[in-house]
Amino acid sequence: MPQVRVESFTISLDGYGAGPDQDLSHPLGVGGEALHGWALATRTFQKHLFGSDGGEAGIDDDYAARGFHNVGAWILGRNMFGPVRGPWPDDRWRGWWGDNPVYRVPVFVLTNHDRPPLVMEGGTTFHFVTEGAAVALERALAAAAGRDVRVGGGVNVIQQYLRLRLIDELHVAIAPVLLGRGERLFDGVDLHALGYTCTKHEASARATHVVLTRQ
């Protein structure tokens, strides 16, 4: 059975998955870049983001690599696609990642505003879904053709899928930083009541990795 997974989603010690005031200069919110030092150092992220053969092996890389294994489609919130708010003024904004994004599979972007599909290099096509989280997942599962669907975030989107009990497994990396403000991942989400339990946890020098599985 295909799985619906969250992978490599990083939160701070005080629970924030993004900093405040996201804009072009701060795509992860103010201070949010500090969350992802563990991931950027890995061999997997160096390859996928920068096309480099460098980076580190080890625990962090194992978790980064599993996030790309058997993924046939992604789901993102609009903030993860870009900082534009309200109706799309035009089609000039094409994402944070240039012409060849890291996904290389269909990506379904939750939004309140229609936009035609955006075909990119490397196999990525962004589809903009206005009918809500359940419809986006239905389309993503169809596009994944038997492989898993990765819910990339941000915080609000993950919360929506958790509350709908649609996420099978959630990998959270806890970075040893404090943000103080932003978006808390588990605000208003009762993971125990939703049937999640911790099935794995281990630490590296840069992060503590926790896997939560829905029973």
C-alpha atoms as a PDB file:
ATOM      1  CA  MET A   1       0.000   0.000   0.000  1.00  0.00           C
ATOM      2  CA  PRO A   2       1.280   3.489  -0.796  1.00  0.00           C
ATOM      3  CA  GLN A   3       2.144   5.531   2.268  1.00  0.00           C
ATOM      4  CA  VAL A   4       1.526   9.216   2.987  1.00  0.00           C
ATOM      5  CA  ARG A   5       4.693  10.492   4.667  1.00  0.00           C
ATOM      6  CA  VAL A   6       6.252  13.588   6.131  1.00  0.00           C
ATOM      7  CA  GLU A   7      10.043  13.455   5.903  1.00  0.00           C
ATOM      8  CA  SER A   8      12.887  15.610   7.212  1.00  0.00           C
ATOM      9  CA  PHE A   9      10.562  18.240   8.638  1.00  0.00           C
ATOM     10  CA  THR A  10      12.658  20.174  11.131  1.00  0.00           C
ATOM     11  CA  ILE A  11      11.455  21.961  14.240  1.00  0.00           C
ATOM     12  CA  SER A  12      13.305  24.000  16.839  1.00  0.00           C
ATOM     13  CA  LEU A  13      13.669  23.022  20.488  1.00  0.00           C
ATOM     14  CA  ASP A  14      10.697  25.280  21.226  1.00  0.00           C
ATOM     15  CA  GLY A  15       8.593  23.559  18.585  1.00  0.00           C
ATOM     16  CA  TYR A  16       8.656  25.945  15.646  1.00  0.00           C
ATOM     17  CA  GLY A  17       8.724  24.574  12.114  1.00  0.00           C
ATOM     18  CA  ALA A  18       9.228  28.009  10.535  1.00  0.00           C
ATOM     19  CA  GLY A  19      10.224  31.460  11.668  1.00  0.00           C
ATOM     20  CA  PRO A  20       7.982  34.538  11.403  1.00  0.00           C
ATOM     21  CA  ASP A  21       7.657  37.015   8.530  1.00  0.00           C
ATOM     22  CA  GLN A  22       8.340  34.857   5.507  1.00  0.00           C
ATOM     23  CA  ASP A  23       9.291  36.860   2.419  1.00  0.00           C
ATOM     24  CA  LEU A  24      11.698  36.739  -0.513  1.00  0.00           C
ATOM     25  CA  SER A  25      14.642  37.438   1.774  1.00  0.00           C
ATOM     26  CA  HIS A  26      13.482  34.950   4.420  1.00  0.00           C
ATOM     27  CA  PRO A  27      11.834  31.995   2.651  1.00  0.00           C
ATOM     28  CA  LEU A  28      11.766  29.985   5.904  1.00  0.00           C
ATOM     29  CA  GLY A  29      10.819  32.996   8.037  1.00  0.00           C
ATOM     30  CA  VAL A  30      13.233  35.068  10.064  1.00  0.00           C
ATOM     31  CA  GLY A  31      15.747  32.682  11.649  1.00  0.00           C
ATOM     32  CA  GLY A  32      14.267  29.637   9.951  1.00  0.00           C
ATOM     33  CA  GLU A  33      17.431  28.804   8.037  1.00  0.00           C
ATOM     34  CA  ALA A  34      19.076  27.811  11.332  1.00  0.00           C
ATOM     35  CA  LEU A  35      16.787  24.781  11.523  1.00  0.00           C
ATOM     36  CA  HIS A  36      18.288  23.026   8.546  1.00  0.00           C
ATOM     37  CA  GLY A  37      22.013  22.837   9.222  1.00  0.00           C
ATOM     38  CA  TRP A  38      21.762  19.086   9.745  1.00  0.00           C
ATOM     39  CA  ALA A  39      20.145  18.538   6.329  1.00  0.00           C
ATOM     40  CA  LEU A  40      22.318  20.880   4.294  1.00  0.00           C
ATOM     41  CA  ALA A  41      25.447  19.116   5.508  1.00  0.00           C
ATOM     42  CA  THR A  42      24.326  15.722   4.174  1.00  0.00           C
ATOM     43  CA  ARG A  43      25.443  14.004   1.023  1.00  0.00           C
ATOM     44  CA  THR A  44      21.805  13.644  -0.048  1.00  0.00           C
ATOM     45  CA  PHE A  45      20.937  17.338   0.172  1.00  0.00           C
ATOM     46  CA  GLN A  46      24.202  18.390  -1.438  1.00  0.00           C
ATOM     47  CA  LYS A  47      23.345  16.171  -4.385  1.00  0.00           C
ATOM     48  CA  HIS A  48      19.666  17.129  -4.708  1.00  0.00           C
ATOM     49  CA  LEU A  49      20.021  20.843  -4.048  1.00  0.00           C
ATOM     50  CA  PHE A  50      23.399  21.670  -5.543  1.00  0.00           C
ATOM     51  CA  GLY A  51      24.354  18.742  -7.785  1.00  0.00           C
ATOM     52  CA  SER A  52      27.459  18.241  -5.669  1.00  0.00           C
ATOM     53  CA  ASP A  53      29.219  14.997  -4.785  1.00  0.00           C
ATOM     54  CA  GLY A  54      30.227  16.379  -1.388  1.00  0.00           C
ATOM     55  CA  GLY A  55      28.471  16.219   1.965  1.00  0.00           C
ATOM     56  CA  GLU A  56      28.520  13.937   4.955  1.00  0.00           C
ATOM     57  CA  ALA A  57      27.348  10.369   5.439  1.00  0.00           C
ATOM     58  CA  GLY A  58      25.976   9.070   8.744  1.00  0.00           C
ATOM     59  CA  ILE A  59      22.696   9.308  10.662  1.00  0.00           C
ATOM     60  CA  ASP A  60      21.593  12.637   9.209  1.00  0.00           C
ATOM     61  CA  ASP A  61      22.238  11.479   5.665  1.00  0.00           C
ATOM     62  CA  ASP A  62      20.350   8.239   6.268  1.00  0.00           C
ATOM     63  CA  TYR A  63      17.256  10.229   7.233  1.00  0.00           C
ATOM     64  CA  ALA A  64      17.678  12.693   4.391  1.00  0.00           C
ATOM     65  CA  ALA A  65      17.988   9.842   1.884  1.00  0.00           C
ATOM     66  CA  ARG A  66      14.921   7.986   3.111  1.00  0.00           C
ATOM     67  CA  GLY A  67      12.899  11.109   2.409  1.00  0.00           C
ATOM     68  CA  PHE A  68      13.393  10.642  -1.333  1.00  0.00           C
ATOM     69  CA  HIS A  69      12.962   6.854  -1.406  1.00  0.00           C
ATOM     70  CA  ASN A  70       9.861   5.575  -3.242  1.00  0.00           C
ATOM     71  CA  VAL A  71       8.251   9.040  -3.468  1.00  0.00           C
ATOM     72  CA  GLY A  72       5.994   9.379  -6.507  1.00  0.00           C
ATOM     73  CA  ALA A  73       4.398  12.754  -5.735  1.00  0.00           C
ATOM     74  CA  TRP A  74       4.605  15.638  -3.285  1.00  0.00           C
ATOM     75  CA  ILE A  75       2.064  17.934  -1.626  1.00  0.00           C
ATOM     76  CA  LEU A  76       3.036  21.471  -0.609  1.00  0.00           C
ATOM     77  CA  GLY A  77       1.289  24.472   0.843  1.00  0.00           C
ATOM     78  CA  ARG A  78       1.359  27.686  -1.094  1.00  0.00           C
ATOM     79  CA  ASN A  79       3.961  29.209   1.237  1.00  0.00           C
ATOM     80  CA  MET A  80       6.305  26.359   0.346  1.00  0.00           C
ATOM     81  CA  PHE A  81       5.945  27.260  -3.320  1.00  0.00           C
ATOM     82  CA  GLY A  82       6.554  30.974  -2.852  1.00  0.00           C
ATOM     83  CA  PRO A  83       5.858  34.214  -0.984  1.00  0.00           C
ATOM     84  CA  VAL A  84       3.103  35.517  -3.299  1.00  0.00           C
ATOM     85  CA  ARG A  85      -0.186  36.210  -1.483  1.00  0.00           C
ATOM     86  CA  GLY A  86      -3.721  36.524  -2.803  1.00  0.00           C
ATOM     87  CA  PRO A  87      -4.645  35.962  -6.459  1.00  0.00           C
ATOM     88  CA  TRP A  88      -1.687  35.194  -8.710  1.00  0.00           C
ATOM     89  CA  PRO A  89      -0.766  38.494 -10.378  1.00  0.00           C
ATOM     90  CA  ASP A  90       0.871  36.585 -13.260  1.00  0.00           C
ATOM     91  CA  ASP A  91       2.834  33.395 -13.877  1.00  0.00           C
ATOM     92  CA  ARG A  92       6.293  34.841 -13.354  1.00  0.00           C
ATOM     93  CA  TRP A  93       6.859  33.238  -9.936  1.00  0.00           C
ATOM     94  CA  ARG A  94       8.052  29.680 -10.619  1.00  0.00           C
ATOM     95  CA  GLY A  95       9.163  28.515  -7.160  1.00  0.00           C
ATOM     96  CA  TRP A  96      12.237  28.872  -4.977  1.00  0.00           C
ATOM     97  CA  TRP A  97      14.389  26.314  -6.790  1.00  0.00           C
ATOM     98  CA  GLY A  98      15.080  27.560 -10.320  1.00  0.00           C
ATOM     99  CA  ASP A  99      14.135  25.794 -13.536  1.00  0.00           C
ATOM    100  CA  ASN A 100      15.038  22.297 -12.324  1.00  0.00           C
ATOM    101  CA  PRO A 101      13.468  21.805  -8.866  1.00  0.00           C
ATOM    102  CA  VAL A 102      14.496  19.050  -6.484  1.00  0.00           C
ATOM    103  CA  TYR A 103      11.191  17.141  -6.687  1.00  0.00           C
ATOM    104  CA  ARG A 104      11.362  15.549 -10.176  1.00  0.00           C
ATOM    105  CA  VAL A 105       7.841  14.133  -9.759  1.00  0.00           C
ATOM    106  CA  PRO A 106       4.376  15.765  -9.800  1.00  0.00           C
ATOM    107  CA  VAL A 107       3.852  18.319  -7.000  1.00  0.00           C
ATOM    108  CA  PHE A 108       0.403  19.384  -5.804  1.00  0.00           C
ATOM    109  CA  VAL A 109       0.250  22.875  -4.291  1.00  0.00           C
ATOM    110  CA  LEU A 110      -2.669  23.770  -2.021  1.00  0.00           C
ATOM    111  CA  THR A 111      -3.980  27.246  -2.809  1.00  0.00           C
ATOM    112  CA  ASN A 112      -7.204  29.255  -2.872  1.00  0.00           C
ATOM    113  CA  HIS A 113      -6.448  30.704  -6.287  1.00  0.00           C
ATOM    114  CA  ASP A 114      -6.475  28.956  -9.656  1.00  0.00           C
ATOM    115  CA  ARG A 115      -3.341  28.712 -11.738  1.00  0.00           C
ATOM    116  CA  PRO A 116      -2.498  26.472 -14.725  1.00  0.00           C
ATOM    117  CA  PRO A 117      -0.050  23.616 -14.188  1.00  0.00           C
ATOM    118  CA  LEU A 118       3.591  24.662 -14.329  1.00  0.00           C
ATOM    119  CA  VAL A 119       5.891  22.254 -16.161  1.00  0.00           C
ATOM    120  CA  MET A 120       9.538  22.460 -15.090  1.00  0.00           C
ATOM    121  CA  GLU A 121      12.725  20.662 -16.067  1.00  0.00           C
ATOM    122  CA  GLY A 122      13.678  17.281 -14.632  1.00  0.00           C
ATOM    123  CA  GLY A 123      10.170  15.821 -14.368  1.00  0.00           C
ATOM    124  CA  THR A 124       8.622  18.309 -11.912  1.00  0.00           C
ATOM    125  CA  THR A 125       5.158  19.659 -12.709  1.00  0.00           C
ATOM    126  CA  PHE A 126       3.403  21.894 -10.193  1.00  0.00           C
ATOM    127  CA  HIS A 127      -0.371  21.385 -10.053  1.00  0.00           C
ATOM    128  CA  PHE A 128      -2.369  24.018  -8.156  1.00  0.00           C
ATOM    129  CA  VAL A 129      -5.278  22.548  -6.185  1.00  0.00           C
ATOM    130  CA  THR A 130      -8.101  24.765  -4.933  1.00  0.00           C
ATOM    131  CA  GLU A 131     -10.425  22.006  -3.699  1.00  0.00           C
ATOM    132  CA  GLY A 132      -8.659  21.285  -0.410  1.00  0.00           C
ATOM    133  CA  ALA A 133      -6.355  18.761   1.246  1.00  0.00           C
ATOM    134  CA  ALA A 134      -8.356  15.595   0.582  1.00  0.00           C
ATOM    135  CA  VAL A 135      -8.659  16.288  -3.149  1.00  0.00           C
ATOM    136  CA  ALA A 136      -4.962  17.141  -3.378  1.00  0.00           C
ATOM    137  CA  LEU A 137      -4.096  13.796  -1.785  1.00  0.00           C
ATOM    138  CA  GLU A 138      -6.445  11.917  -4.092  1.00  0.00           C
ATOM    139  CA  ARG A 139      -4.738  13.463  -7.120  1.00  0.00           C
ATOM    140  CA  ALA A 140      -1.263  12.949  -5.680  1.00  0.00           C
ATOM    141  CA  LEU A 141      -1.901   9.252  -5.023  1.00  0.00           C
ATOM    142  CA  ALA A 142      -3.151   8.807  -8.575  1.00  0.00           C
ATOM    143  CA  ALA A 143      -0.085  10.583  -9.971  1.00  0.00           C
ATOM    144  CA  ALA A 144       2.267   8.574  -7.724  1.00  0.00           C
ATOM    145  CA  ALA A 145       1.057   5.363  -9.416  1.00  0.00           C
ATOM    146  CA  GLY A 146       1.638   3.045  -6.477  1.00  0.00           C
ATOM    147  CA  ARG A 147       4.528   4.914  -4.889  1.00  0.00           C
ATOM    148  CA  ASP A 148       4.309   7.037  -1.733  1.00  0.00           C
ATOM    149  CA  VAL A 149       3.184  10.644  -1.382  1.00  0.00           C
ATOM    150  CA  ARG A 150       5.389  13.022   0.599  1.00  0.00           C
ATOM    151  CA  VAL A 151       3.709  15.941   2.369  1.00  0.00           C
ATOM    152  CA  GLY A 152       6.419  18.566   2.401  1.00  0.00           C
ATOM    153  CA  GLY A 153       4.761  21.259   4.468  1.00  0.00           C
ATOM    154  CA  GLY A 154       4.563  23.891   5.678  1.00  0.00           C
ATOM    155  CA  VAL A 155       3.241  23.698   9.204  1.00  0.00           C
ATOM    156  CA  ASN A 156      -0.414  24.420   8.398  1.00  0.00           C
ATOM    157  CA  VAL A 157      -0.555  21.821   5.647  1.00  0.00           C
ATOM    158  CA  ILE A 158       0.955  19.101   7.841  1.00  0.00           C
ATOM    159  CA  GLN A 159      -1.524  19.976  10.584  1.00  0.00           C
ATOM    160  CA  GLN A 160      -4.413  19.622   8.135  1.00  0.00           C
ATOM    161  CA  TYR A 161      -3.328  16.128   7.100  1.00  0.00           C
ATOM    162  CA  LEU A 162      -2.629  15.051  10.673  1.00  0.00           C
ATOM    163  CA  ARG A 163      -6.084  16.122  11.818  1.00  0.00           C
ATOM    164  CA  LEU A 164      -7.618  14.206   8.917  1.00  0.00           C
ATOM    165  CA  ARG A 165      -5.607  11.119  10.001  1.00  0.00           C
ATOM    166  CA  LEU A 166      -4.137  10.886   6.518  1.00  0.00           C
ATOM    167  CA  ILE A 167      -0.427  10.835   7.380  1.00  0.00           C
ATOM    168  CA  ASP A 168       0.903   7.325   7.940  1.00  0.00           C
ATOM    169  CA  GLU A 169       4.378   8.293   9.119  1.00  0.00           C
ATOM    170  CA  LEU A 170       6.020  11.517  10.242  1.00  0.00           C
ATOM    171  CA  HIS A 171       9.784  12.042  10.509  1.00  0.00           C
ATOM    172  CA  VAL A 172      10.619  15.126  12.559  1.00  0.00           C
ATOM    173  CA  ALA A 173      14.163  16.369  13.062  1.00  0.00           C
ATOM    174  CA  ILE A 174      14.634  18.486  16.182  1.00  0.00           C
ATOM    175  CA  ALA A 175      17.390  21.040  15.721  1.00  0.00           C
ATOM    176  CA  PRO A 176      19.248  22.417  18.777  1.00  0.00           C
ATOM    177  CA  VAL A 177      18.147  26.004  18.154  1.00  0.00           C
ATOM    178  CA  LEU A 178      15.498  28.319  19.606  1.00  0.00           C
ATOM    179  CA  LEU A 179      13.359  30.507  17.352  1.00  0.00           C
ATOM    180  CA  GLY A 180      11.063  32.144  19.910  1.00  0.00           C
ATOM    181  CA  ARG A 181       8.416  32.990  17.320  1.00  0.00           C
ATOM    182  CA  GLY A 182       6.927  31.491  14.192  1.00  0.00           C
ATOM    183  CA  GLU A 183       4.650  28.510  13.512  1.00  0.00           C
ATOM    184  CA  ARG A 184       4.558  25.637  16.002  1.00  0.00           C
ATOM    185  CA  LEU A 185       4.102  22.283  14.330  1.00  0.00           C
ATOM    186  CA  PHE A 186       1.979  20.588  16.978  1.00  0.00           C
ATOM    187  CA  ASP A 187      -0.148  23.519  18.187  1.00  0.00           C
ATOM    188  CA  GLY A 188      -3.696  22.235  18.608  1.00  0.00           C
ATOM    189  CA  VAL A 189      -2.775  18.742  17.402  1.00  0.00           C
ATOM    190  CA  ASP A 190      -3.307  15.857  19.848  1.00  0.00           C
ATOM    191  CA  LEU A 191      -1.031  13.228  18.352  1.00  0.00           C
ATOM    192  CA  HIS A 192      -1.890  10.656  21.006  1.00  0.00           C
ATOM    193  CA  ALA A 193      -5.614  10.965  20.375  1.00  0.00           C
ATOM    194  CA  LEU A 194      -4.991  10.742  16.638  1.00  0.00           C
ATOM    195  CA  GLY A 195      -3.274   7.389  17.135  1.00  0.00           C
ATOM    196  CA  TYR A 196       0.378   8.295  16.636  1.00  0.00           C
ATOM    197  CA  THR A 197       3.208   6.714  18.566  1.00  0.00           C
ATOM    198  CA  CYS A 198       6.976   7.128  18.503  1.00  0.00           C
ATOM    199  CA  THR A 199       8.460   4.143  16.684  1.00  0.00           C
ATOM    200  CA  LYS A 200      12.072   5.327  16.333  1.00  0.00           C
ATOM    201  CA  HIS A 201      14.378   7.991  17.722  1.00  0.00           C
ATOM    202  CA  GLU A 202      18.096   8.619  17.476  1.00  0.00           C
ATOM    203  CA  ALA A 203      20.421  11.580  17.632  1.00  0.00           C
ATOM    204  CA  SER A 204      23.344  12.902  15.640  1.00  0.00           C
ATOM    205  CA  ALA A 205      25.599  15.803  16.496  1.00  0.00           C
ATOM    206  CA  ARG A 206      23.257  18.188  14.651  1.00  0.00           C
ATOM    207  CA  ALA A 207      19.705  16.904  15.287  1.00  0.00           C
ATOM    208  CA  THR A 208      17.495  14.424  17.089  1.00  0.00           C
ATOM    209  CA  HIS A 209      15.422  12.340  14.677  1.00  0.00           C
ATOM    210  CA  VAL A 210      11.981  11.114  15.722  1.00  0.00           C
ATOM    211  CA  VAL A 211       9.653   8.902  13.661  1.00  0.00           C
ATOM    212  CA  LEU A 212       5.942   8.926  14.567  1.00  0.00           C
ATOM    213  CA  THR A 213       3.714   6.234  13.087  1.00  0.00           C
ATOM    214  CA  ARG A 214      -0.089   6.082  13.000  1.00  0.00           C
ATOM    215  CA  GLN A 215      -1.261   2.821  14.540  1.00  0.00           C
END
